[in-house]
Amino acid sequence: MTKKKLFDHITVDPKVRFGKPVIDGTRVPVDMVVGKIAGGMTVEEVMDEYNLTKQQVMAALRYAAELVAQEEITFA
């Protein structure tokens, strides 16, 4: 299997970060970007720390939002 595009600026490759979704063209995992912002870093700080564009950071947030929107929780 080769690299697969999951979302705008988001790809997955079994040879990169154990197949976790990353920012396309980098080894920066989406969960790390989202986690850093959730932890209090600004978009600009994340951009500087990981050499990302604003589009890439926002794509990570949109991807995470899309996953949450699709989640279904069942109650027994």
Protein backbone atom coordinates (compact mmCIF):
# COMPACT_ATOMS: atom_id res chain seq x y z
CA MET A 1 0.00 0.00 0.00
CA THR A 2 1.22 3.50 -0.75
CA LYS A 3 0.36 6.89 0.65
CA LYS A 4 -3.37 7.59 0.69
CA LYS A 5 -5.04 11.00 0.87
CA LEU A 6 -7.69 11.02 3.60
CA PHE A 7 -8.61 14.70 3.59
CA ASP A 8 -7.28 17.99 2.26
CA HIS A 9 -3.60 18.13 3.40
CA ILE A 10 -3.98 14.88 5.39
CA THR A 11 -2.46 11.58 4.28
CA VAL A 12 -1.69 8.18 5.69
CA ASP A 13 1.21 5.93 4.77
CA PRO A 14 1.96 2.65 6.59
CA LYS A 15 5.67 3.56 6.44
CA VAL A 16 5.21 6.93 8.17
CA ARG A 17 4.29 7.19 11.86
CA PHE A 18 2.89 3.65 11.91
CA GLY A 19 0.13 4.61 9.47
CA LYS A 20 -1.31 7.43 11.57
CA PRO A 21 -2.80 10.40 9.70
CA VAL A 22 -0.15 13.07 9.14
CA ILE A 23 0.09 16.46 7.50
CA ASP A 24 0.83 15.72 3.84
CA GLY A 25 4.52 16.03 3.00
CA THR A 26 5.57 15.88 6.66
CA ARG A 27 5.84 13.38 9.48
CA VAL A 28 3.70 15.56 11.77
CA PRO A 29 0.72 13.56 13.08
CA VAL A 30 -2.71 15.18 13.04
CA ASP A 31 -3.32 14.21 16.67
CA MET A 32 -0.18 16.07 17.72
CA VAL A 33 -1.31 19.27 16.00
CA VAL A 34 -4.78 19.06 17.53
CA GLY A 35 -3.36 18.15 20.93
CA LYS A 36 -0.97 21.10 20.95
CA ILE A 37 -3.80 23.52 20.19
CA ALA A 38 -6.03 21.86 22.80
CA GLY A 39 -3.15 22.24 25.25
CA GLY A 40 -3.04 25.98 24.76
CA MET A 41 -0.65 26.64 21.89
CA THR A 42 -1.81 29.11 19.29
CA VAL A 43 -2.10 28.21 15.62
CA GLU A 44 0.91 30.43 14.97
CA GLU A 45 2.98 28.67 17.64
CA VAL A 46 2.15 25.28 16.14
CA MET A 47 3.00 26.61 12.69
CA ASP A 48 6.40 27.83 13.93
CA GLU A 49 7.23 24.73 15.97
CA TYR A 50 6.44 22.22 13.21
CA ASN A 51 7.15 24.38 10.14
CA LEU A 52 3.54 24.15 8.95
CA THR A 53 1.32 26.54 7.06
CA LYS A 54 -1.93 27.88 8.47
CA GLN A 55 -3.77 25.82 5.85
CA GLN A 56 -2.11 22.64 7.13
CA VAL A 57 -2.96 23.37 10.77
CA MET A 58 -6.55 24.24 9.91
CA ALA A 59 -6.82 21.06 7.82
CA ALA A 60 -5.82 19.02 10.88
CA LEU A 61 -8.54 20.71 12.91
CA ARG A 62 -11.15 20.21 10.19
CA TYR A 63 -10.17 16.55 9.85
CA ALA A 64 -10.53 16.02 13.61
CA ALA A 65 -13.90 17.80 13.60
CA GLU A 66 -15.08 15.60 10.73
CA LEU A 67 -14.13 12.45 12.65
CA VAL A 68 -15.99 13.63 15.75
CA ALA A 69 -19.03 14.57 13.66
CA GLN A 70 -19.18 11.04 12.28
CA GLU A 71 -18.86 9.37 15.67
CA GLU A 72 -21.92 7.59 16.93
CA ILE A 73 -22.30 6.73 20.57
CA THR A 74 -24.81 4.10 21.55
CA PHE A 75 -26.38 3.76 24.96
CA ALA A 76 -27.34 0.39 26.31
